[in-house]
Amino acid sequence: MQPEARKTIAVVGAGPAGLRAAELAAAAGAHVILCDAQPSAGRKFLIAGRGGLNLTHNEPVENFPARYRTEPERWRDLLDDFGPDALRAWAAQLEIETYVGTSNRVFPRGQKAASLLRAWLRRLRGTGVEFRFGKRLVGLTKEGVRWRLDFAPDFALSADAIVLALGGASWPDTGSDGKWPAILAANGVETAPFVAANCGWNVAWPGAVLERVEGLPLKNLSVTAAGETVSGELLITRYGLEGGAIYRLGPILRAMARPELQIDFKPQVSAEGLLERTRELSSPNEWYRTWKLSPGAIVLLKHCSPNESLERAELVRRLKNFPLQLQSPRPIAEAISSAGGVLWRELSDRLMLKKMPGVFLAGEMIDWEAPTGGYLLQGCFSTGTRAGRSVAEYLS
């Protein structure tokens, strides 16, 4: 892009998708103005890094599209453009070394999320990206060949093209409050309602359960819903269950009229093996010790069964296939991420809105979801890369 033809690109949303789009657009020579309703950038990104910033996952990239459940060809294309190896190389350019953890997740080595974010913002400012914080988008209208963006309080700008990275509806305190669909609906853009994803579920626990094991984990499980099985952990909470296993089954559970889990507390041992180990024992307490069940599993078996005096064979059957009725997902404000947003059919392969030429989308405002484990951030970086590159090419 020649200096005399320098165009203005407005990027709205300073999360990882918006920051990445701004980075690509600025690198192509555009004048980039990045606006966000919050007082600073990357607030949800920093929250994601509290327990260790999980940038991406180290499994083969060909497995990634299935993690996003829908639009596998789109995701294959997006990940070909900017996949997990490219994300690690990008971090290395910021002098952030990454490593693969024991769970095959990828983390920055010895660095906090804040350190990576500071290095990233320095680079963006060095390329001329301008930041406007405390500006909430309230209107978007076409004026001739340009777009007018109106913000509260009392701010407006004109741009040749736009990247919107306004987020979903989880963690609203960070700015992703899901209030933007009306702006696009005014231009005929269709969206799916936001729902909680990667969230806990409510369970009507008997009082005896909470008295004994609230806050205890259930580890090394196999958990099934509607025929799909995942391995992982759960956490018993006062309201129900949290944990990676139930997060991954969220889309299936939401589709069930009566959501229910079947838990195998000892997936590494067959029912026959469990019976053989306790063949000479007569006491249930001896069985539990021999099976090396966790305190949480024992309490569930004792207090969530219709018959507390189960025979050994029946107890093994229940241990290997423990049914647990769920009530409802936790509120979206508590969720790690959200599903819903702009429908994929509204977007071109370049992530431009078909009904709003010159407006590109990135990140969680598109209707996709993924499990925890690095797939969420990878999705934001991949869509941000595509949107940033596409908006620059559109103006060139």
Protein backbone atom coordinates (compact mmCIF):
# COMPACT_ATOMS: atom_id res chain seq x y z
CA MET A 1 0.00 0.00 0.00
CA GLN A 2 1.62 3.26 -1.13
CA PRO A 3 1.87 6.17 1.37
CA GLU A 4 -0.17 8.47 -0.88
CA ALA A 5 -2.99 5.89 -0.93
CA ARG A 6 -2.91 5.21 2.79
CA LYS A 7 -6.32 4.16 4.02
CA THR A 8 -7.87 4.23 7.46
CA ILE A 9 -9.00 0.98 9.06
CA ALA A 10 -10.99 1.02 12.27
CA VAL A 11 -10.64 -2.04 14.48
CA VAL A 12 -13.20 -2.24 17.27
CA GLY A 13 -12.33 -4.56 20.14
CA ALA A 14 -8.91 -4.81 21.79
CA GLY A 15 -8.96 -8.49 22.65
CA PRO A 16 -6.59 -10.97 20.99
CA ALA A 17 -8.64 -11.16 17.76
CA GLY A 18 -8.80 -7.39 17.38
CA LEU A 19 -5.17 -6.85 18.32
CA ARG A 20 -4.06 -9.48 15.79
CA ALA A 21 -6.22 -7.95 13.05
CA ALA A 22 -4.77 -4.50 13.82
CA GLU A 23 -1.27 -5.96 13.66
CA LEU A 24 -1.77 -7.40 10.16
CA ALA A 25 -3.54 -4.31 8.82
CA ALA A 26 -0.84 -1.97 10.13
CA ALA A 27 1.91 -4.20 8.72
CA ALA A 28 0.29 -3.77 5.29
CA GLY A 29 0.65 0.01 5.58
CA ALA A 30 -2.84 1.05 6.65
CA HIS A 31 -3.59 3.75 9.20
CA VAL A 32 -5.16 1.70 12.00
CA ILE A 33 -7.29 3.13 14.80
CA LEU A 34 -8.15 0.55 17.46
CA CYS A 35 -11.09 1.36 19.73
CA ASP A 36 -12.35 -0.42 22.83
CA ALA A 37 -15.03 0.30 25.41
CA GLN A 38 -12.72 -0.62 28.28
CA PRO A 39 -9.97 1.59 29.78
CA SER A 40 -7.24 -0.80 28.57
CA ALA A 41 -6.58 -3.63 26.13
CA GLY A 42 -6.83 -7.37 26.55
CA ARG A 43 -8.87 -7.61 29.74
CA LYS A 44 -10.35 -11.05 29.03
CA PHE A 45 -6.96 -12.18 27.70
CA LEU A 46 -5.44 -11.34 31.09
CA ILE A 47 -8.16 -13.25 32.93
CA ALA A 48 -7.51 -16.26 30.69
CA GLY A 49 -3.89 -16.13 31.80
CA ARG A 50 -4.52 -16.18 35.54
CA GLY A 51 -3.96 -19.91 35.77
CA GLY A 52 -1.30 -19.97 33.05
CA LEU A 53 -1.84 -18.57 29.57
CA ASN A 54 -2.89 -21.51 27.39
CA LEU A 55 -2.04 -20.15 23.92
CA THR A 56 -2.79 -23.21 21.79
CA HIS A 57 -2.56 -27.01 21.76
CA ASN A 58 0.16 -29.32 20.53
CA GLU A 59 -2.01 -32.01 18.98
CA PRO A 60 -1.75 -32.46 15.16
CA VAL A 61 -3.27 -29.48 13.40
CA GLU A 62 -5.43 -31.79 11.28
CA ASN A 63 -7.34 -32.65 14.49
CA PHE A 64 -8.18 -29.02 15.25
CA PRO A 65 -11.21 -28.51 12.93
CA ALA A 66 -13.15 -31.22 14.77
CA ARG A 67 -12.67 -29.29 18.03
CA TYR A 68 -14.72 -26.43 16.58
CA ARG A 69 -17.55 -28.88 15.73
CA THR A 70 -19.06 -26.94 12.79
CA GLU A 71 -17.63 -25.53 9.55
CA PRO A 72 -14.64 -27.93 9.43
CA GLU A 73 -13.56 -26.77 5.95
CA ARG A 74 -13.56 -23.14 7.07
CA TRP A 75 -11.49 -23.97 10.10
CA ARG A 76 -9.09 -26.06 8.07
CA ASP A 77 -8.55 -23.06 5.81
CA LEU A 78 -8.16 -20.63 8.73
CA LEU A 79 -5.68 -22.91 10.48
CA ASP A 80 -3.69 -23.38 7.28
CA ASP A 81 -3.34 -19.60 7.27
CA PHE A 82 -2.38 -19.27 10.94
CA GLY A 83 -2.23 -22.48 12.95
CA PRO A 84 -0.59 -23.55 16.22
CA ASP A 85 2.96 -23.58 14.83
CA ALA A 86 2.48 -20.09 13.43
CA LEU A 87 1.13 -18.89 16.77
CA ARG A 88 4.20 -20.20 18.60
CA ALA A 89 6.46 -18.56 16.02
CA TRP A 90 4.57 -15.29 16.48
CA ALA A 91 5.17 -15.46 20.25
CA ALA A 92 8.86 -16.10 19.60
CA GLN A 93 8.99 -12.87 17.59
CA LEU A 94 7.88 -11.11 20.77
CA GLU A 95 10.75 -12.90 22.55
CA ILE A 96 8.25 -15.11 24.36
CA GLU A 97 9.43 -18.72 24.42
CA THR A 98 6.70 -21.36 24.57
CA TYR A 99 6.67 -24.93 25.81
CA VAL A 100 4.34 -27.93 25.70
CA GLY A 101 2.92 -28.91 29.09
CA THR A 102 2.12 -32.41 30.29
CA SER A 103 -1.47 -32.03 29.02
CA ASN A 104 -0.13 -31.18 25.52
CA ARG A 105 -1.20 -27.57 25.99
CA VAL A 106 1.14 -24.76 24.95
CA PHE A 107 2.16 -22.04 27.42
CA PRO A 108 4.65 -19.16 27.53
CA ARG A 109 7.75 -20.21 29.46
CA GLY A 110 8.26 -18.19 32.63
CA GLN A 111 6.02 -15.36 31.42
CA LYS A 112 2.70 -13.99 32.62
CA ALA A 113 -0.08 -13.02 30.23
CA ALA A 114 0.61 -9.39 31.15
CA SER A 115 4.21 -9.67 29.93
CA LEU A 116 3.14 -10.98 26.54
CA LEU A 117 0.42 -8.34 26.25
CA ARG A 118 2.84 -5.49 27.09
CA ALA A 119 5.32 -6.69 24.46
CA TRP A 120 2.52 -6.98 21.91
CA LEU A 121 1.16 -3.50 22.60
CA ARG A 122 4.65 -2.00 22.31
CA ARG A 123 5.02 -3.57 18.88
CA LEU A 124 1.60 -2.34 17.78
CA ARG A 125 2.32 1.21 18.88
CA GLY A 126 5.68 0.99 17.11
CA THR A 127 3.88 0.24 13.83
CA GLY A 128 1.65 3.30 14.26
CA VAL A 129 -1.54 1.73 15.60
CA GLU A 130 -3.55 4.39 17.44
CA PHE A 131 -5.60 3.40 20.49
CA ARG A 132 -8.86 4.95 21.64
CA PHE A 133 -10.01 3.48 24.95
CA GLY A 134 -13.28 4.10 26.79
CA LYS A 135 -15.18 4.25 23.48
CA ARG A 136 -18.24 1.98 23.11
CA LEU A 137 -19.54 1.40 19.59
CA VAL A 138 -23.22 2.39 19.32
CA GLY A 139 -23.75 2.95 15.59
CA LEU A 140 -22.38 1.95 12.21
CA THR A 141 -23.57 3.64 8.99
CA LYS A 142 -22.34 3.90 5.41
CA GLU A 143 -21.52 7.42 4.20
CA GLY A 144 -20.63 7.29 0.53
CA VAL A 145 -17.72 4.89 0.12
CA ARG A 146 -16.69 5.12 3.78
CA TRP A 147 -18.10 3.95 7.09
CA ARG A 148 -19.05 6.18 10.00
CA LEU A 149 -18.61 4.71 13.45
CA ASP A 150 -20.37 6.35 16.38
CA PHE A 151 -19.18 5.71 19.91
CA ALA A 152 -20.37 6.62 23.38
CA PRO A 153 -19.47 8.93 24.91
CA ASP A 154 -19.52 11.53 22.13
CA PHE A 155 -16.93 10.19 19.71
CA ALA A 156 -17.08 9.35 16.00
CA LEU A 157 -14.67 8.47 13.25
CA SER A 158 -14.73 7.71 9.54
CA ALA A 159 -12.95 4.69 8.08
CA ASP A 160 -12.43 3.10 4.68
CA ALA A 161 -12.94 -0.37 6.18
CA ILE A 162 -13.62 -1.94 9.56
CA VAL A 163 -12.73 -5.02 11.58
CA LEU A 164 -15.18 -5.80 14.36
CA ALA A 165 -13.87 -8.01 17.17
CA LEU A 166 -16.47 -7.27 19.83
CA GLY A 167 -16.38 -10.64 21.59
CA GLY A 168 -19.16 -12.87 22.81
CA ALA A 169 -21.17 -12.58 26.01
CA SER A 170 -19.09 -14.30 28.70
CA TRP A 171 -17.15 -12.37 31.35
CA PRO A 172 -19.14 -9.16 30.64
CA ASP A 173 -17.06 -7.19 33.13
CA THR A 174 -14.16 -7.45 30.67
CA GLY A 175 -16.22 -5.81 27.93
CA SER A 176 -17.59 -8.82 26.03
CA ASP A 177 -21.18 -8.19 27.09
CA GLY A 178 -22.93 -9.32 23.89
CA LYS A 179 -24.84 -6.06 23.43
CA TRP A 180 -23.72 -5.37 19.86
CA PRO A 181 -26.07 -7.58 17.70
CA ALA A 182 -28.61 -4.76 17.24
CA ILE A 183 -25.96 -2.69 15.44
CA LEU A 184 -25.55 -5.38 12.79
CA ALA A 185 -29.24 -6.33 12.75
CA ALA A 186 -29.96 -2.81 11.47
CA ASN A 187 -28.12 -3.90 8.33
CA GLY A 188 -29.93 -7.23 8.05
CA VAL A 189 -27.14 -9.38 9.54
CA GLU A 190 -28.47 -12.51 11.27
CA THR A 191 -27.13 -13.74 14.59
CA ALA A 192 -27.72 -16.74 16.84
CA PRO A 193 -28.59 -16.02 20.48
CA PHE A 194 -25.67 -16.20 22.89
CA VAL A 195 -25.53 -19.20 25.22
CA ALA A 196 -23.01 -20.22 27.87
CA ALA A 197 -20.19 -22.49 26.67
CA ASN A 198 -17.36 -24.06 28.67
CA CYS A 199 -19.42 -23.60 31.79
CA GLY A 200 -20.56 -25.47 34.86
CA TRP A 201 -23.95 -27.14 35.21
CA ASN A 202 -26.46 -27.09 38.03
CA VAL A 203 -27.16 -30.35 39.90
CA ALA A 204 -29.71 -30.92 42.66
CA TRP A 205 -27.26 -32.47 45.13
CA PRO A 206 -28.55 -34.28 48.19
CA GLY A 207 -27.47 -32.36 51.27
CA ALA A 208 -25.25 -35.24 52.37
CA VAL A 209 -23.08 -34.77 49.28
CA LEU A 210 -22.26 -31.11 49.87
CA GLU A 211 -21.62 -31.65 53.57
CA ARG A 212 -18.78 -34.03 52.71
CA VAL A 213 -17.22 -33.19 49.37
CA GLU A 214 -18.01 -29.68 48.16
CA GLY A 215 -14.90 -28.45 46.37
CA LEU A 216 -13.31 -31.88 45.86
CA PRO A 217 -12.23 -33.06 42.39
CA LEU A 218 -13.22 -36.23 40.57
CA LYS A 219 -10.13 -37.25 38.58
CA ASN A 220 -9.31 -39.68 35.77
CA LEU A 221 -12.90 -40.10 34.68
CA SER A 222 -14.63 -41.15 31.51
CA VAL A 223 -17.79 -39.09 31.03
CA THR A 224 -20.52 -39.75 28.45
CA ALA A 225 -23.51 -37.76 27.20
CA ALA A 226 -25.80 -38.90 24.37
CA GLY A 227 -23.25 -41.45 23.23
CA GLU A 228 -20.20 -39.14 23.13
CA THR A 229 -17.45 -39.94 25.63
CA VAL A 230 -14.60 -37.74 26.85
CA SER A 231 -11.87 -38.23 29.42
CA GLY A 232 -11.09 -35.65 32.05
CA GLU A 233 -11.91 -34.26 35.45
CA LEU A 234 -14.90 -32.78 37.25
CA LEU A 235 -15.20 -30.60 40.33
CA ILE A 236 -18.09 -30.87 42.78
CA THR A 237 -19.38 -27.39 43.65
CA ARG A 238 -22.21 -26.16 45.84
CA TYR A 239 -24.40 -25.67 42.75
CA GLY A 240 -23.31 -28.64 40.62
CA LEU A 241 -20.29 -29.52 38.50
CA GLU A 242 -17.41 -27.71 36.83
CA GLY A 243 -14.43 -29.07 34.93
CA GLY A 244 -12.98 -29.85 31.53
CA ALA A 245 -15.05 -32.99 30.95
CA ILE A 246 -18.41 -31.25 31.28
CA TYR A 247 -17.14 -28.22 29.33
CA ARG A 248 -16.31 -30.41 26.33
CA LEU A 249 -19.75 -32.02 26.43
CA GLY A 250 -21.56 -28.68 26.66
CA PRO A 251 -22.92 -28.56 23.08
CA ILE A 252 -24.35 -32.07 23.43
CA LEU A 253 -25.87 -31.39 26.85
CA ARG A 254 -27.54 -28.19 25.62
CA ALA A 255 -29.22 -30.18 22.85
CA MET A 256 -30.67 -32.80 25.25
CA ALA A 257 -34.23 -32.45 26.49
CA ARG A 258 -33.13 -34.05 29.78
CA PRO A 259 -29.39 -33.52 30.08
CA GLU A 260 -27.68 -36.40 31.83
CA LEU A 261 -24.14 -37.71 32.27
CA GLN A 262 -22.92 -41.27 32.65
CA ILE A 263 -19.68 -41.35 34.63
CA ASP A 264 -17.16 -44.17 34.68
CA PHE A 265 -15.11 -43.61 37.84
CA LYS A 266 -12.52 -46.25 36.89
CA PRO A 267 -12.24 -46.25 33.08
CA GLN A 268 -8.81 -47.87 33.19
CA VAL A 269 -10.19 -51.06 34.84
CA SER A 270 -12.93 -53.32 33.48
CA ALA A 271 -15.94 -54.36 35.53
CA GLU A 272 -14.57 -57.90 35.61
CA GLY A 273 -11.24 -56.60 36.92
CA LEU A 274 -12.95 -54.65 39.69
CA LEU A 275 -14.94 -57.71 40.74
CA GLU A 276 -11.85 -59.90 40.73
CA ARG A 277 -9.91 -57.46 42.93
CA THR A 278 -12.58 -57.66 45.63
CA ARG A 279 -13.52 -61.34 45.31
CA GLU A 280 -12.29 -62.19 48.82
CA LEU A 281 -13.68 -59.02 50.46
CA SER A 282 -17.14 -58.61 51.96
CA SER A 283 -17.33 -55.00 53.20
CA PRO A 284 -18.22 -52.09 50.88
CA ASN A 285 -15.61 -49.94 52.64
CA GLU A 286 -12.99 -52.57 51.77
CA TRP A 287 -14.19 -52.53 48.17
CA TYR A 288 -13.86 -48.75 47.94
CA ARG A 289 -10.30 -48.86 49.33
CA THR A 290 -9.27 -51.65 46.98
CA TRP A 291 -10.73 -49.83 43.98
CA LYS A 292 -8.86 -46.66 45.10
CA LEU A 293 -11.88 -44.46 44.65
CA SER A 294 -11.64 -40.79 45.55
CA PRO A 295 -13.65 -39.41 48.50
CA GLY A 296 -15.92 -37.59 46.09
CA ALA A 297 -16.69 -40.70 44.07
CA ILE A 298 -17.46 -42.70 47.23
CA VAL A 299 -19.89 -40.09 48.50
CA LEU A 300 -21.69 -39.94 45.15
CA LEU A 301 -22.00 -43.70 45.03
CA LYS A 302 -23.34 -43.80 48.58
CA HIS A 303 -25.73 -40.88 48.49
CA CYS A 304 -26.91 -40.58 44.88
CA SER A 305 -28.00 -44.18 44.48
CA PRO A 306 -31.60 -45.33 44.97
CA ASN A 307 -30.43 -48.30 47.05
CA GLU A 308 -27.57 -47.73 49.50
CA SER A 309 -27.20 -51.47 50.22
CA LEU A 310 -26.15 -52.46 46.72
CA GLU A 311 -24.64 -55.84 46.08
CA ARG A 312 -21.02 -55.85 44.90
CA ALA A 313 -21.86 -56.62 41.25
CA GLU A 314 -24.52 -53.90 41.17
CA LEU A 315 -22.14 -51.43 42.81
CA VAL A 316 -19.52 -52.16 40.15
CA ARG A 317 -22.12 -51.65 37.45
CA ARG A 318 -23.03 -48.27 38.96
CA LEU A 319 -19.38 -47.33 39.45
CA LYS A 320 -18.74 -47.98 35.74
CA ASN A 321 -21.93 -46.28 34.55
CA PHE A 322 -23.04 -43.74 37.13
CA PRO A 323 -26.05 -41.71 35.90
CA LEU A 324 -26.25 -38.09 36.96
CA GLN A 325 -29.16 -35.85 36.03
CA LEU A 326 -28.29 -32.22 35.27
CA GLN A 327 -30.60 -29.25 35.56
CA SER A 328 -29.28 -26.31 33.52
CA PRO A 329 -26.04 -24.58 32.56
CA ARG A 330 -24.65 -21.86 34.79
CA PRO A 331 -25.31 -18.21 33.82
CA ILE A 332 -23.44 -16.96 30.77
CA ALA A 333 -21.66 -14.31 32.86
CA GLU A 334 -19.82 -17.16 34.63
CA ALA A 335 -18.94 -19.05 31.46
CA ILE A 336 -15.41 -19.22 30.08
CA SER A 337 -16.77 -18.57 26.60
CA SER A 338 -20.03 -18.31 24.72
CA ALA A 339 -21.64 -19.83 21.65
CA GLY A 340 -23.81 -17.76 19.35
CA GLY A 341 -23.19 -14.59 17.40
CA VAL A 342 -23.02 -13.82 13.68
CA LEU A 343 -23.95 -16.85 11.57
CA TRP A 344 -21.19 -18.21 9.34
CA ARG A 345 -23.42 -17.92 6.27
CA GLU A 346 -23.33 -14.14 6.69
CA LEU A 347 -19.55 -14.15 6.07
CA SER A 348 -17.40 -14.64 3.02
CA ASP A 349 -14.30 -16.83 3.18
CA ARG A 350 -12.39 -13.62 3.88
CA LEU A 351 -14.61 -13.03 6.96
CA MET A 352 -16.29 -10.01 5.37
CA LEU A 353 -19.99 -9.46 5.99
CA LYS A 354 -21.78 -10.08 2.70
CA LYS A 355 -24.42 -7.47 3.53
CA MET A 356 -21.88 -4.89 4.70
CA PRO A 357 -18.95 -4.79 2.24
CA GLY A 358 -15.82 -3.48 3.90
CA VAL A 359 -16.78 -4.77 7.36
CA PHE A 360 -14.87 -7.82 8.57
CA LEU A 361 -15.37 -9.91 11.72
CA ALA A 362 -13.01 -11.80 14.02
CA GLY A 363 -13.07 -13.68 17.30
CA GLU A 364 -15.98 -14.77 19.47
CA MET A 365 -18.58 -12.51 17.87
CA ILE A 366 -18.82 -15.18 15.15
CA ASP A 367 -20.99 -18.20 16.00
CA TRP A 368 -18.37 -20.78 16.98
CA GLU A 369 -17.24 -22.49 20.14
CA ALA A 370 -14.38 -24.72 21.17
CA PRO A 371 -13.27 -26.53 24.32
CA THR A 372 -10.68 -25.16 26.68
CA GLY A 373 -7.12 -26.33 26.10
CA GLY A 374 -5.83 -23.62 23.79
CA TYR A 375 -8.49 -23.94 21.10
CA LEU A 376 -10.31 -20.75 22.10
CA LEU A 377 -7.29 -18.48 21.82
CA GLN A 378 -6.15 -20.27 18.67
CA GLY A 379 -9.55 -19.54 17.13
CA CYS A 380 -9.29 -15.86 18.04
CA PHE A 381 -5.78 -15.57 16.59
CA SER A 382 -6.71 -17.47 13.41
CA THR A 383 -9.82 -15.40 12.69
CA GLY A 384 -7.99 -12.19 13.65
CA THR A 385 -5.22 -13.05 11.21
CA ARG A 386 -7.69 -13.70 8.39
CA ALA A 387 -9.69 -10.53 9.08
CA GLY A 388 -6.60 -8.30 9.36
CA ARG A 389 -5.04 -9.66 6.18
CA SER A 390 -8.36 -9.53 4.31
CA VAL A 391 -9.18 -5.95 5.23
CA ALA A 392 -5.77 -4.81 4.01
CA GLU A 393 -6.20 -6.71 0.74
CA TYR A 394 -9.71 -5.27 0.33
CA LEU A 395 -8.37 -1.73 0.45
CA SER A 396 -5.37 -2.41 -1.75
